[in-house]
Amino acid sequence: MRNSYCLYVRGNQARSVRLPEFIAYAKTNPGKINMASPGIGSTPHVNGELFKVMTGTNLVHVPYRSAAAVMTDLLSGQVQLYFGTTASSLEYVRSGKLRALAVTIERRLDALPDIPAVAEFVPGYESSTSSIRRSMPALPRTPAIMSTAGPISW
């Protein structure tokens, strides 16, 4: 489950909605869905921006100071969407307080086998911490060893 994220909505907002229906709704209601993140440039923010580009949707980014603040507002309905970590949100999904529409890695998770990968509906979509690091461009004067070293292991 390491480096995996899910696209979450509040449980009572989307009991039977699947990802294709959510994308269709977002396309017909541009600018009406708030997408929370724990800050500009954070992995959830980048996941959401990639999703917007690849689906042609217009989601409104709402940056917060922390993931805890995002979760509070997502659970209370102040925001409608969050690309959060799987590990920190799994209990909310199991209790029905949140609904996971999809995982952002390339395949389904063993912990959530009924939750599809975004790539099942949006070909080529895959976003995890390691894939984002692999795709970061280097600045023009970056020493060659730094730009070819590969992903960083923490």
N, C-alpha and C. Protein backbone atom coordinates (compact mmCIF):
# COMPACT_ATOMS: atom_id res chain seq x y z
N MET A 1 0.82 -1.18 0.00
CA MET A 1 0.00 0.00 0.00
C MET A 1 0.87 1.25 0.00
N ARG A 2 2.17 1.12 0.14
CA ARG A 2 3.08 2.25 0.17
C ARG A 2 2.98 3.05 -1.13
N ASN A 3 2.98 4.36 -1.02
CA ASN A 3 2.92 5.27 -2.16
C ASN A 3 1.61 5.19 -2.94
N SER A 4 0.55 4.68 -2.34
CA SER A 4 -0.71 4.61 -3.08
C SER A 4 -1.68 5.67 -2.59
N TYR A 5 -2.45 6.17 -3.53
CA TYR A 5 -3.44 7.20 -3.25
C TYR A 5 -4.77 6.78 -3.84
N CYS A 6 -5.83 7.32 -3.27
CA CYS A 6 -7.18 7.07 -3.79
C CYS A 6 -7.87 8.39 -4.02
N LEU A 7 -8.82 8.37 -4.92
CA LEU A 7 -9.70 9.51 -5.17
C LEU A 7 -10.90 9.29 -4.25
N TYR A 8 -11.09 10.19 -3.28
CA TYR A 8 -12.15 10.04 -2.28
C TYR A 8 -13.24 11.09 -2.42
N VAL A 9 -14.45 10.69 -2.13
CA VAL A 9 -15.57 11.61 -1.95
C VAL A 9 -16.25 11.22 -0.64
N ARG A 10 -17.05 12.13 -0.08
CA ARG A 10 -17.74 11.83 1.17
C ARG A 10 -18.72 10.69 0.95
N GLY A 11 -18.81 9.78 1.90
CA GLY A 11 -19.62 8.57 1.75
C GLY A 11 -21.04 8.78 1.32
N ASN A 12 -21.76 9.70 1.95
CA ASN A 12 -23.17 9.88 1.61
C ASN A 12 -23.37 10.70 0.34
N GLN A 13 -22.32 11.21 -0.26
CA GLN A 13 -22.46 11.97 -1.51
C GLN A 13 -22.48 11.08 -2.74
N ALA A 14 -21.96 9.88 -2.62
CA ALA A 14 -21.79 9.08 -3.83
C ALA A 14 -21.88 7.59 -3.55
N ARG A 15 -22.96 7.16 -2.96
CA ARG A 15 -23.09 5.74 -2.61
C ARG A 15 -22.95 4.81 -3.83
N SER A 16 -23.55 5.16 -4.94
CA SER A 16 -23.54 4.26 -6.09
C SER A 16 -22.81 4.84 -7.30
N VAL A 17 -22.16 5.97 -7.13
CA VAL A 17 -21.46 6.59 -8.26
C VAL A 17 -20.14 5.86 -8.52
N ARG A 18 -19.90 5.59 -9.79
CA ARG A 18 -18.63 5.00 -10.19
C ARG A 18 -17.80 6.09 -10.86
N LEU A 19 -16.54 5.82 -11.07
CA LEU A 19 -15.64 6.83 -11.63
C LEU A 19 -16.13 7.38 -12.98
N PRO A 20 -16.58 6.56 -13.93
CA PRO A 20 -17.05 7.14 -15.20
C PRO A 20 -18.20 8.14 -15.01
N GLU A 21 -19.12 7.85 -14.10
CA GLU A 21 -20.23 8.77 -13.84
C GLU A 21 -19.72 10.06 -13.18
N PHE A 22 -18.74 9.91 -12.29
CA PHE A 22 -18.16 11.09 -11.65
C PHE A 22 -17.49 11.99 -12.69
N ILE A 23 -16.73 11.39 -13.60
CA ILE A 23 -16.05 12.16 -14.65
C ILE A 23 -17.09 12.86 -15.53
N ALA A 24 -18.15 12.15 -15.90
CA ALA A 24 -19.20 12.75 -16.72
C ALA A 24 -19.86 13.92 -15.99
N TYR A 25 -20.13 13.75 -14.71
CA TYR A 25 -20.72 14.84 -13.91
C TYR A 25 -19.77 16.04 -13.87
N ALA A 26 -18.48 15.79 -13.63
CA ALA A 26 -17.51 16.87 -13.55
C ALA A 26 -17.40 17.62 -14.88
N LYS A 27 -17.50 16.90 -15.98
CA LYS A 27 -17.43 17.55 -17.30
C LYS A 27 -18.65 18.42 -17.58
N THR A 28 -19.81 17.99 -17.11
CA THR A 28 -21.03 18.77 -17.36
C THR A 28 -21.25 19.85 -16.31
N ASN A 29 -20.44 19.86 -15.26
CA ASN A 29 -20.54 20.86 -14.19
C ASN A 29 -19.17 21.46 -13.91
N PRO A 30 -18.57 22.11 -14.90
CA PRO A 30 -17.22 22.63 -14.71
C PRO A 30 -17.15 23.68 -13.60
N GLY A 31 -16.11 23.56 -12.77
CA GLY A 31 -15.91 24.53 -11.69
C GLY A 31 -16.81 24.37 -10.49
N LYS A 32 -17.61 23.31 -10.43
CA LYS A 32 -18.54 23.12 -9.31
C LYS A 32 -18.06 22.10 -8.29
N ILE A 33 -16.96 21.41 -8.58
CA ILE A 33 -16.43 20.41 -7.65
C ILE A 33 -15.13 20.95 -7.07
N ASN A 34 -15.06 21.02 -5.73
CA ASN A 34 -13.85 21.46 -5.05
C ASN A 34 -12.96 20.27 -4.75
N MET A 35 -11.70 20.38 -5.17
CA MET A 35 -10.70 19.33 -4.97
C MET A 35 -9.70 19.83 -3.93
N ALA A 36 -9.69 19.20 -2.77
CA ALA A 36 -8.81 19.63 -1.69
C ALA A 36 -7.44 18.97 -1.80
N SER A 37 -6.43 19.66 -1.26
CA SER A 37 -5.09 19.07 -1.13
C SER A 37 -4.43 19.68 0.10
N PRO A 38 -3.42 19.00 0.65
CA PRO A 38 -2.71 19.57 1.80
C PRO A 38 -1.61 20.55 1.37
N GLY A 39 -1.83 21.27 0.29
CA GLY A 39 -0.89 22.30 -0.12
C GLY A 39 -0.54 22.24 -1.59
N ILE A 40 -0.21 23.39 -2.13
CA ILE A 40 0.18 23.50 -3.53
C ILE A 40 1.46 22.72 -3.77
N GLY A 41 1.46 21.88 -4.78
CA GLY A 41 2.62 21.07 -5.12
C GLY A 41 2.73 19.76 -4.37
N SER A 42 1.80 19.50 -3.44
CA SER A 42 1.82 18.23 -2.71
C SER A 42 1.43 17.09 -3.66
N THR A 43 1.73 15.87 -3.28
CA THR A 43 1.38 14.74 -4.13
C THR A 43 -0.12 14.68 -4.43
N PRO A 44 -1.01 14.87 -3.43
CA PRO A 44 -2.44 14.88 -3.76
C PRO A 44 -2.81 15.98 -4.76
N HIS A 45 -2.17 17.13 -4.67
CA HIS A 45 -2.43 18.21 -5.61
C HIS A 45 -2.00 17.80 -7.01
N VAL A 46 -0.80 17.24 -7.13
CA VAL A 46 -0.30 16.80 -8.44
C VAL A 46 -1.18 15.69 -9.00
N ASN A 47 -1.60 14.75 -8.14
CA ASN A 47 -2.52 13.69 -8.59
C ASN A 47 -3.79 14.30 -9.19
N GLY A 48 -4.34 15.29 -8.50
CA GLY A 48 -5.56 15.93 -8.97
C GLY A 48 -5.37 16.71 -10.26
N GLU A 49 -4.26 17.40 -10.38
CA GLU A 49 -3.99 18.15 -11.61
C GLU A 49 -3.82 17.21 -12.80
N LEU A 50 -3.13 16.09 -12.59
CA LEU A 50 -2.98 15.09 -13.65
C LEU A 50 -4.35 14.55 -14.05
N PHE A 51 -5.19 14.27 -13.06
CA PHE A 51 -6.54 13.78 -13.31
C PHE A 51 -7.33 14.79 -14.14
N LYS A 52 -7.24 16.06 -13.77
CA LYS A 52 -7.96 17.11 -14.50
C LYS A 52 -7.52 17.16 -15.96
N VAL A 53 -6.23 17.12 -16.19
CA VAL A 53 -5.71 17.19 -17.57
C VAL A 53 -6.14 15.98 -18.38
N MET A 54 -6.00 14.80 -17.79
CA MET A 54 -6.27 13.58 -18.54
C MET A 54 -7.76 13.31 -18.74
N THR A 55 -8.62 13.90 -17.92
CA THR A 55 -10.07 13.68 -18.07
C THR A 55 -10.78 14.87 -18.70
N GLY A 56 -10.08 15.99 -18.84
CA GLY A 56 -10.71 17.17 -19.40
C GLY A 56 -11.75 17.80 -18.49
N THR A 57 -11.54 17.66 -17.18
CA THR A 57 -12.47 18.22 -16.20
C THR A 57 -11.92 19.51 -15.62
N ASN A 58 -12.82 20.31 -15.07
CA ASN A 58 -12.44 21.57 -14.43
C ASN A 58 -12.83 21.48 -12.96
N LEU A 59 -11.87 21.05 -12.14
CA LEU A 59 -12.08 20.95 -10.70
C LEU A 59 -11.39 22.15 -10.05
N VAL A 60 -11.98 22.69 -9.01
CA VAL A 60 -11.41 23.85 -8.32
C VAL A 60 -10.48 23.37 -7.21
N HIS A 61 -9.20 23.72 -7.30
CA HIS A 61 -8.23 23.31 -6.29
C HIS A 61 -8.37 24.19 -5.05
N VAL A 62 -8.50 23.54 -3.89
CA VAL A 62 -8.58 24.24 -2.61
C VAL A 62 -7.42 23.74 -1.75
N PRO A 63 -6.33 24.54 -1.65
CA PRO A 63 -5.18 24.11 -0.85
C PRO A 63 -5.41 24.32 0.64
N TYR A 64 -4.98 23.38 1.45
CA TYR A 64 -5.06 23.44 2.90
C TYR A 64 -3.64 23.41 3.47
N ARG A 65 -3.54 23.61 4.77
CA ARG A 65 -2.23 23.58 5.44
C ARG A 65 -1.82 22.17 5.85
N SER A 66 -2.77 21.24 5.89
CA SER A 66 -2.44 19.88 6.31
C SER A 66 -3.47 18.89 5.79
N ALA A 67 -3.07 17.62 5.77
CA ALA A 67 -3.99 16.55 5.37
C ALA A 67 -5.11 16.40 6.41
N ALA A 68 -4.80 16.65 7.68
CA ALA A 68 -5.83 16.55 8.72
C ALA A 68 -6.94 17.58 8.49
N ALA A 69 -6.56 18.79 8.09
CA ALA A 69 -7.56 19.83 7.82
C ALA A 69 -8.40 19.45 6.59
N VAL A 70 -7.77 18.85 5.60
CA VAL A 70 -8.50 18.38 4.41
C VAL A 70 -9.54 17.35 4.82
N MET A 71 -9.10 16.38 5.62
CA MET A 71 -10.00 15.30 6.02
C MET A 71 -11.19 15.83 6.81
N THR A 72 -10.96 16.78 7.69
CA THR A 72 -12.05 17.38 8.45
C THR A 72 -13.09 17.99 7.52
N ASP A 73 -12.63 18.77 6.54
CA ASP A 73 -13.58 19.42 5.63
C ASP A 73 -14.20 18.45 4.63
N LEU A 74 -13.48 17.42 4.23
CA LEU A 74 -14.06 16.41 3.34
C LEU A 74 -15.17 15.66 4.07
N LEU A 75 -14.92 15.25 5.29
CA LEU A 75 -15.92 14.52 6.06
C LEU A 75 -17.15 15.37 6.37
N SER A 76 -16.96 16.69 6.50
CA SER A 76 -18.10 17.56 6.81
C SER A 76 -18.80 18.09 5.55
N GLY A 77 -18.24 17.80 4.37
CA GLY A 77 -18.88 18.23 3.14
C GLY A 77 -18.47 19.60 2.63
N GLN A 78 -17.47 20.21 3.24
CA GLN A 78 -17.01 21.53 2.78
C GLN A 78 -16.30 21.45 1.43
N VAL A 79 -15.64 20.32 1.15
CA VAL A 79 -15.03 20.04 -0.14
C VAL A 79 -15.56 18.69 -0.62
N GLN A 80 -15.51 18.46 -1.91
CA GLN A 80 -16.13 17.26 -2.46
C GLN A 80 -15.16 16.15 -2.84
N LEU A 81 -13.89 16.46 -2.98
CA LEU A 81 -12.95 15.50 -3.57
C LEU A 81 -11.57 15.64 -2.96
N TYR A 82 -10.90 14.50 -2.80
CA TYR A 82 -9.54 14.50 -2.24
C TYR A 82 -8.79 13.28 -2.75
N PHE A 83 -7.58 13.49 -3.23
CA PHE A 83 -6.69 12.41 -3.61
C PHE A 83 -5.80 12.12 -2.42
N GLY A 84 -6.28 11.34 -1.47
CA GLY A 84 -5.55 11.10 -0.22
C GLY A 84 -4.84 9.77 -0.19
N THR A 85 -3.96 9.63 0.81
CA THR A 85 -3.24 8.37 0.95
C THR A 85 -4.20 7.26 1.33
N THR A 86 -3.90 6.10 0.85
CA THR A 86 -4.76 4.94 1.12
C THR A 86 -4.68 4.55 2.59
N ALA A 87 -3.48 4.48 3.13
CA ALA A 87 -3.30 4.01 4.50
C ALA A 87 -4.02 4.88 5.52
N SER A 88 -3.98 6.19 5.34
CA SER A 88 -4.60 7.08 6.33
C SER A 88 -6.12 7.15 6.21
N SER A 89 -6.68 6.67 5.14
CA SER A 89 -8.11 6.82 4.91
C SER A 89 -8.88 5.51 4.87
N LEU A 90 -8.20 4.41 4.95
CA LEU A 90 -8.82 3.10 4.80
C LEU A 90 -9.97 2.87 5.78
N GLU A 91 -9.79 3.27 7.03
CA GLU A 91 -10.86 3.06 8.03
C GLU A 91 -12.09 3.90 7.72
N TYR A 92 -11.91 5.09 7.17
CA TYR A 92 -13.05 5.92 6.78
C TYR A 92 -13.83 5.25 5.64
N VAL A 93 -13.12 4.60 4.74
CA VAL A 93 -13.78 3.89 3.64
C VAL A 93 -14.54 2.70 4.19
N ARG A 94 -13.90 1.92 5.04
CA ARG A 94 -14.55 0.73 5.61
C ARG A 94 -15.77 1.08 6.44
N SER A 95 -15.76 2.26 7.09
CA SER A 95 -16.90 2.67 7.92
C SER A 95 -18.00 3.34 7.10
N GLY A 96 -17.72 3.65 5.83
CA GLY A 96 -18.71 4.29 4.98
C GLY A 96 -18.71 5.81 5.03
N LYS A 97 -17.81 6.39 5.83
CA LYS A 97 -17.74 7.85 5.92
C LYS A 97 -17.14 8.45 4.65
N LEU A 98 -16.26 7.70 4.00
CA LEU A 98 -15.71 8.11 2.71
C LEU A 98 -15.96 7.01 1.70
N ARG A 99 -16.01 7.40 0.46
CA ARG A 99 -16.13 6.44 -0.64
C ARG A 99 -14.91 6.62 -1.53
N ALA A 100 -14.20 5.53 -1.77
CA ALA A 100 -13.06 5.56 -2.68
C ALA A 100 -13.59 5.24 -4.08
N LEU A 101 -13.42 6.18 -4.99
CA LEU A 101 -13.87 5.95 -6.36
C LEU A 101 -12.83 5.21 -7.18
N ALA A 102 -11.55 5.41 -6.86
CA ALA A 102 -10.48 4.75 -7.63
C ALA A 102 -9.15 4.92 -6.91
N VAL A 103 -8.22 4.03 -7.22
CA VAL A 103 -6.84 4.18 -6.75
C VAL A 103 -6.02 4.79 -7.88
N THR A 104 -4.98 5.52 -7.51
CA THR A 104 -4.21 6.25 -8.53
C THR A 104 -3.02 5.47 -9.08
N ILE A 105 -2.70 4.33 -8.46
CA ILE A 105 -1.61 3.52 -9.02
C ILE A 105 -2.14 2.70 -10.19
N GLU A 106 -1.25 2.00 -10.89
CA GLU A 106 -1.63 1.38 -12.16
C GLU A 106 -2.58 0.19 -12.04
N ARG A 107 -2.71 -0.39 -10.85
CA ARG A 107 -3.59 -1.55 -10.69
C ARG A 107 -4.32 -1.48 -9.36
N ARG A 108 -5.34 -2.32 -9.21
CA ARG A 108 -6.11 -2.36 -7.97
C ARG A 108 -5.23 -2.79 -6.81
N LEU A 109 -5.62 -2.35 -5.61
CA LEU A 109 -4.92 -2.72 -4.39
C LEU A 109 -5.52 -3.98 -3.79
N ASP A 110 -4.69 -4.83 -3.20
CA ASP A 110 -5.19 -6.01 -2.51
C ASP A 110 -6.10 -5.61 -1.35
N ALA A 111 -5.79 -4.49 -0.67
CA ALA A 111 -6.59 -4.04 0.47
C ALA A 111 -7.96 -3.51 0.05
N LEU A 112 -8.10 -3.10 -1.21
CA LEU A 112 -9.37 -2.56 -1.73
C LEU A 112 -9.67 -3.19 -3.09
N PRO A 113 -9.91 -4.50 -3.15
CA PRO A 113 -10.03 -5.16 -4.45
C PRO A 113 -11.24 -4.71 -5.28
N ASP A 114 -12.25 -4.14 -4.65
CA ASP A 114 -13.44 -3.68 -5.39
C ASP A 114 -13.29 -2.27 -5.93
N ILE A 115 -12.20 -1.61 -5.60
CA ILE A 115 -11.98 -0.23 -6.04
C ILE A 115 -11.09 -0.27 -7.28
N PRO A 116 -11.60 0.24 -8.41
CA PRO A 116 -10.80 0.18 -9.65
C PRO A 116 -9.64 1.16 -9.64
N ALA A 117 -8.71 0.94 -10.52
CA ALA A 117 -7.65 1.91 -10.76
C ALA A 117 -8.19 2.96 -11.73
N VAL A 118 -7.76 4.21 -11.57
CA VAL A 118 -8.18 5.26 -12.50
C VAL A 118 -7.87 4.83 -13.93
N ALA A 119 -6.73 4.15 -14.12
CA ALA A 119 -6.29 3.74 -15.46
C ALA A 119 -7.28 2.80 -16.15
N GLU A 120 -8.17 2.16 -15.42
CA GLU A 120 -9.18 1.30 -16.04
C GLU A 120 -10.16 2.13 -16.86
N PHE A 121 -10.29 3.41 -16.54
CA PHE A 121 -11.22 4.29 -17.24
C PHE A 121 -10.52 5.45 -17.95
N VAL A 122 -9.32 5.77 -17.50
CA VAL A 122 -8.52 6.85 -18.08
C VAL A 122 -7.18 6.23 -18.49
N PRO A 123 -7.09 5.72 -19.71
CA PRO A 123 -5.88 5.03 -20.14
C PRO A 123 -4.62 5.87 -19.95
N GLY A 124 -3.62 5.24 -19.34
CA GLY A 124 -2.33 5.91 -19.13
C GLY A 124 -2.21 6.64 -17.81
N TYR A 125 -3.31 6.77 -17.05
CA TYR A 125 -3.22 7.47 -15.77
C TYR A 125 -2.54 6.57 -14.75
N GLU A 126 -1.52 7.08 -14.12
CA GLU A 126 -0.85 6.40 -13.00
C GLU A 126 -0.11 7.47 -12.24
N SER A 127 -0.43 7.60 -10.98
CA SER A 127 0.22 8.62 -10.18
C SER A 127 0.46 8.08 -8.79
N SER A 128 1.71 7.97 -8.44
CA SER A 128 2.12 7.59 -7.10
C SER A 128 3.32 8.45 -6.75
N THR A 129 3.75 8.39 -5.52
CA THR A 129 4.89 9.20 -5.10
C THR A 129 6.10 8.89 -5.98
N SER A 130 6.35 7.62 -6.25
CA SER A 130 7.53 7.27 -7.04
C SER A 130 7.39 7.69 -8.50
N SER A 131 6.18 7.61 -9.07
CA SER A 131 6.02 8.02 -10.48
C SER A 131 6.15 9.53 -10.62
N ILE A 132 5.72 10.27 -9.61
CA ILE A 132 5.87 11.72 -9.66
C ILE A 132 7.34 12.09 -9.58
N ARG A 133 8.10 11.44 -8.69
CA ARG A 133 9.53 11.73 -8.60
C ARG A 133 10.24 11.40 -9.90
N ARG A 134 9.85 10.30 -10.55
CA ARG A 134 10.50 9.92 -11.82
C ARG A 134 10.23 10.94 -12.91
N SER A 135 9.11 11.64 -12.84
CA SER A 135 8.75 12.54 -13.92
C SER A 135 9.16 13.99 -13.66
N MET A 136 9.78 14.28 -12.53
CA MET A 136 10.20 15.65 -12.24
C MET A 136 11.36 16.05 -13.17
N PRO A 137 11.22 17.16 -13.87
CA PRO A 137 12.31 17.60 -14.74
C PRO A 137 13.44 18.23 -13.92
N ALA A 138 14.65 18.13 -14.44
CA ALA A 138 15.80 18.75 -13.79
C ALA A 138 16.02 20.13 -14.41
N LEU A 139 16.53 21.06 -13.62
CA LEU A 139 16.86 22.38 -14.13
C LEU A 139 18.02 22.30 -15.11
N PRO A 140 18.15 23.26 -16.03
CA PRO A 140 19.17 23.19 -17.09
C PRO A 140 20.60 22.96 -16.60
N ARG A 141 21.01 23.54 -15.47
CA ARG A 141 22.40 23.40 -15.01
C ARG A 141 22.59 22.33 -13.94
N THR A 142 21.64 21.43 -13.82
CA THR A 142 21.75 20.34 -12.85
C THR A 142 22.86 19.40 -13.28
N PRO A 143 23.79 19.05 -12.37
CA PRO A 143 24.85 18.10 -12.75
C PRO A 143 24.25 16.80 -13.27
N ALA A 144 24.88 16.22 -14.27
CA ALA A 144 24.37 15.02 -14.92
C ALA A 144 24.08 13.90 -13.93
N ILE A 145 24.92 13.72 -12.94
CA ILE A 145 24.71 12.64 -11.98
C ILE A 145 23.39 12.81 -11.24
N MET A 146 22.98 14.05 -10.98
CA MET A 146 21.73 14.31 -10.27
C MET A 146 20.52 14.04 -11.16
N SER A 147 20.61 14.35 -12.45
CA SER A 147 19.46 14.19 -13.32
C SER A 147 19.29 12.77 -13.84
N THR A 148 20.28 11.91 -13.65
CA THR A 148 20.19 10.53 -14.11
C THR A 148 20.21 9.53 -12.97
N ALA A 149 20.20 9.99 -11.73
CA ALA A 149 20.34 9.11 -10.57
C ALA A 149 19.13 8.22 -10.35
N GLY A 150 17.97 8.57 -10.89
CA GLY A 150 16.77 7.77 -10.69
C GLY A 150 16.01 8.19 -9.45
N PRO A 151 14.98 7.45 -9.10
CA PRO A 151 14.15 7.84 -7.97
C PRO A 151 14.91 7.78 -6.65
N ILE A 152 14.50 8.63 -5.73
CA ILE A 152 15.12 8.69 -4.41
C ILE A 152 14.39 7.71 -3.51
N SER A 153 15.13 6.93 -2.75
CA SER A 153 14.51 6.03 -1.77
C SER A 153 14.63 6.69 -0.40
N TRP A 154 13.51 6.81 0.28
CA TRP A 154 13.53 7.48 1.58
C TRP A 154 13.75 6.47 2.66
